[in-house]
Amino acid sequence: MDEPNRMDRLEMRLTEQEATVEDLNRIVTEQWRLIDRLSRQVEGLREQMEEAAARAAPRAPEPPPPHY
């Protein structure tokens, strides 16, 4: 069989590049979802920490331990 001509090589390269772009798009989409989920988790933890700090702040300070 003949060696692929210039047009065939260009078509093969385009096909490979399209597959690469699709793979990269899929990976970026997965990473975006992961980052979004992690960002929501961090925000939830931040809110929990703020609530815990607000509950603890109004209390009187603990008495110092006895000295020996």
N, C-alpha and C. Protein backbone atom coordinates (compact mmCIF):
# COMPACT_ATOMS: atom_id res chain seq x y z
N MET A 1 0.84 -1.17 0.00
CA MET A 1 0.00 0.00 0.00
C MET A 1 0.89 1.24 0.00
N ASP A 2 0.43 2.27 -0.62
CA ASP A 2 1.20 3.51 -0.72
C ASP A 2 1.30 4.21 0.63
N GLU A 3 2.37 4.98 0.75
CA GLU A 3 2.52 5.81 1.93
C GLU A 3 1.43 6.88 1.91
N PRO A 4 0.87 7.21 3.07
CA PRO A 4 -0.22 8.20 3.07
C PRO A 4 0.26 9.54 2.49
N ASN A 5 -0.59 10.13 1.69
CA ASN A 5 -0.22 11.42 1.12
C ASN A 5 -0.40 12.53 2.16
N ARG A 6 -0.06 13.73 1.76
CA ARG A 6 -0.09 14.87 2.68
C ARG A 6 -1.47 15.08 3.27
N MET A 7 -2.50 14.99 2.48
CA MET A 7 -3.87 15.21 2.95
C MET A 7 -4.26 14.14 3.97
N ASP A 8 -3.90 12.90 3.69
CA ASP A 8 -4.22 11.82 4.62
C ASP A 8 -3.51 12.03 5.96
N ARG A 9 -2.25 12.45 5.91
CA ARG A 9 -1.50 12.70 7.15
C ARG A 9 -2.15 13.84 7.95
N LEU A 10 -2.56 14.87 7.25
CA LEU A 10 -3.23 15.99 7.93
C LEU A 10 -4.55 15.54 8.57
N GLU A 11 -5.30 14.72 7.87
CA GLU A 11 -6.55 14.21 8.42
C GLU A 11 -6.31 13.34 9.65
N MET A 12 -5.26 12.52 9.59
CA MET A 12 -4.93 11.67 10.75
C MET A 12 -4.51 12.54 11.94
N ARG A 13 -3.70 13.55 11.67
CA ARG A 13 -3.27 14.45 12.74
C ARG A 13 -4.47 15.18 13.35
N LEU A 14 -5.37 15.65 12.52
CA LEU A 14 -6.56 16.33 13.01
C LEU A 14 -7.41 15.41 13.88
N THR A 15 -7.55 14.17 13.46
CA THR A 15 -8.32 13.20 14.23
C THR A 15 -7.67 12.97 15.60
N GLU A 16 -6.34 12.83 15.62
CA GLU A 16 -5.63 12.64 16.89
C GLU A 16 -5.78 13.87 17.78
N GLN A 17 -5.70 15.05 17.21
CA GLN A 17 -5.84 16.28 17.99
C GLN A 17 -7.25 16.43 18.54
N GLU A 18 -8.24 16.06 17.77
CA GLU A 18 -9.61 16.12 18.26
C GLU A 18 -9.81 15.18 19.45
N ALA A 19 -9.22 14.00 19.36
CA ALA A 19 -9.32 13.04 20.47
C ALA A 19 -8.62 13.60 21.71
N THR A 20 -7.47 14.24 21.51
CA THR A 20 -6.73 14.82 22.63
C THR A 20 -7.54 15.95 23.27
N VAL A 21 -8.14 16.79 22.46
CA VAL A 21 -8.96 17.89 22.99
C VAL A 21 -10.14 17.34 23.78
N GLU A 22 -10.78 16.30 23.29
CA GLU A 22 -11.89 15.70 24.01
C GLU A 22 -11.43 15.12 25.34
N ASP A 23 -10.28 14.45 25.36
CA ASP A 23 -9.73 13.91 26.61
C ASP A 23 -9.43 15.03 27.61
N LEU A 24 -8.78 16.08 27.12
CA LEU A 24 -8.46 17.20 28.00
C LEU A 24 -9.72 17.87 28.54
N ASN A 25 -10.72 18.01 27.70
CA ASN A 25 -11.98 18.60 28.14
C ASN A 25 -12.63 17.76 29.24
N ARG A 26 -12.60 16.46 29.07
CA ARG A 26 -13.17 15.56 30.07
C ARG A 26 -12.41 15.70 31.39
N ILE A 27 -11.08 15.74 31.31
CA ILE A 27 -10.26 15.85 32.52
C ILE A 27 -10.51 17.18 33.22
N VAL A 28 -10.55 18.26 32.46
CA VAL A 28 -10.80 19.58 33.06
C VAL A 28 -12.17 19.62 33.71
N THR A 29 -13.17 19.03 33.09
CA THR A 29 -14.51 18.99 33.66
C THR A 29 -14.52 18.21 34.97
N GLU A 30 -13.84 17.07 35.01
CA GLU A 30 -13.77 16.27 36.24
C GLU A 30 -13.06 17.06 37.34
N GLN A 31 -11.97 17.73 36.99
CA GLN A 31 -11.24 18.51 37.99
C GLN A 31 -12.08 19.68 38.49
N TRP A 32 -12.82 20.33 37.61
CA TRP A 32 -13.69 21.43 38.02
C TRP A 32 -14.73 20.92 39.03
N ARG A 33 -15.32 19.77 38.76
CA ARG A 33 -16.31 19.21 39.69
C ARG A 33 -15.67 18.91 41.04
N LEU A 34 -14.46 18.35 41.02
CA LEU A 34 -13.77 18.03 42.27
C LEU A 34 -13.44 19.31 43.03
N ILE A 35 -12.92 20.31 42.36
CA ILE A 35 -12.59 21.58 43.01
C ILE A 35 -13.85 22.21 43.59
N ASP A 36 -14.94 22.16 42.86
CA ASP A 36 -16.21 22.72 43.34
C ASP A 36 -16.67 22.00 44.60
N ARG A 37 -16.60 20.68 44.59
CA ARG A 37 -17.02 19.89 45.75
C ARG A 37 -16.13 20.18 46.96
N LEU A 38 -14.82 20.24 46.73
CA LEU A 38 -13.90 20.53 47.82
C LEU A 38 -14.09 21.95 48.35
N SER A 39 -14.37 22.90 47.48
CA SER A 39 -14.62 24.28 47.91
C SER A 39 -15.85 24.34 48.81
N ARG A 40 -16.90 23.60 48.44
CA ARG A 40 -18.10 23.58 49.28
C ARG A 40 -17.81 22.93 50.63
N GLN A 41 -16.98 21.88 50.63
CA GLN A 41 -16.63 21.23 51.90
C GLN A 41 -15.84 22.18 52.79
N VAL A 42 -14.89 22.89 52.22
CA VAL A 42 -14.09 23.84 52.99
C VAL A 42 -14.99 24.93 53.57
N GLU A 43 -15.89 25.44 52.77
CA GLU A 43 -16.81 26.48 53.26
C GLU A 43 -17.68 25.94 54.40
N GLY A 44 -18.15 24.71 54.28
CA GLY A 44 -18.94 24.10 55.34
C GLY A 44 -18.13 23.95 56.62
N LEU A 45 -16.88 23.53 56.49
CA LEU A 45 -16.01 23.41 57.67
C LEU A 45 -15.71 24.77 58.29
N ARG A 46 -15.54 25.77 57.45
CA ARG A 46 -15.29 27.13 57.95
C ARG A 46 -16.49 27.61 58.77
N GLU A 47 -17.70 27.35 58.26
CA GLU A 47 -18.91 27.75 58.98
C GLU A 47 -19.01 27.00 60.31
N GLN A 48 -18.69 25.71 60.31
CA GLN A 48 -18.73 24.94 61.55
C GLN A 48 -17.73 25.49 62.56
N MET A 49 -16.54 25.85 62.11
CA MET A 49 -15.54 26.41 63.02
C MET A 49 -15.99 27.75 63.58
N GLU A 50 -16.58 28.59 62.75
CA GLU A 50 -17.08 29.88 63.22
C GLU A 50 -18.19 29.70 64.24
N GLU A 51 -19.11 28.75 63.98
CA GLU A 51 -20.19 28.48 64.93
C GLU A 51 -19.64 27.96 66.25
N ALA A 52 -18.67 27.06 66.18
CA ALA A 52 -18.08 26.51 67.39
C ALA A 52 -17.37 27.60 68.18
N ALA A 53 -16.68 28.48 67.49
CA ALA A 53 -15.97 29.58 68.16
C ALA A 53 -16.96 30.54 68.79
N ALA A 54 -18.07 30.79 68.11
CA ALA A 54 -19.08 31.70 68.65
C ALA A 54 -19.73 31.10 69.90
N ARG A 55 -19.94 29.80 69.92
CA ARG A 55 -20.53 29.16 71.10
C ARG A 55 -19.54 29.17 72.27
N ALA A 56 -18.29 29.03 72.00
CA ALA A 56 -17.28 28.94 73.06
C ALA A 56 -16.92 30.31 73.61
N ALA A 57 -17.03 31.36 72.83
CA ALA A 57 -16.59 32.69 73.25
C ALA A 57 -17.38 33.25 74.43
N PRO A 58 -18.70 33.13 74.48
CA PRO A 58 -19.44 33.76 75.58
C PRO A 58 -19.17 33.15 76.96
N ARG A 59 -18.66 31.97 77.02
CA ARG A 59 -18.42 31.32 78.31
C ARG A 59 -17.32 32.04 79.09
N ALA A 60 -17.41 31.89 80.40
CA ALA A 60 -16.37 32.45 81.26
C ALA A 60 -15.10 31.63 81.07
N PRO A 61 -13.96 32.28 81.24
CA PRO A 61 -12.71 31.54 81.07
C PRO A 61 -12.56 30.49 82.17
N GLU A 62 -11.86 29.44 81.84
CA GLU A 62 -11.63 28.38 82.81
C GLU A 62 -10.71 28.89 83.92
N PRO A 63 -10.95 28.43 85.13
CA PRO A 63 -10.04 28.86 86.21
C PRO A 63 -8.66 28.22 86.00
N PRO A 64 -7.64 28.92 86.43
CA PRO A 64 -6.30 28.34 86.24
C PRO A 64 -6.14 27.09 87.08
N PRO A 65 -5.29 26.20 86.66
CA PRO A 65 -5.08 24.98 87.43
C PRO A 65 -4.36 25.30 88.74
N PRO A 66 -4.57 24.46 89.74
CA PRO A 66 -3.89 24.73 91.02
C PRO A 66 -2.39 24.57 90.87
N HIS A 67 -1.68 25.44 91.55
CA HIS A 67 -0.21 25.37 91.49
C HIS A 67 0.28 24.53 92.66
N TYR A 68 1.30 23.76 92.43
CA TYR A 68 1.83 22.89 93.49
C TYR A 68 3.04 23.51 94.10
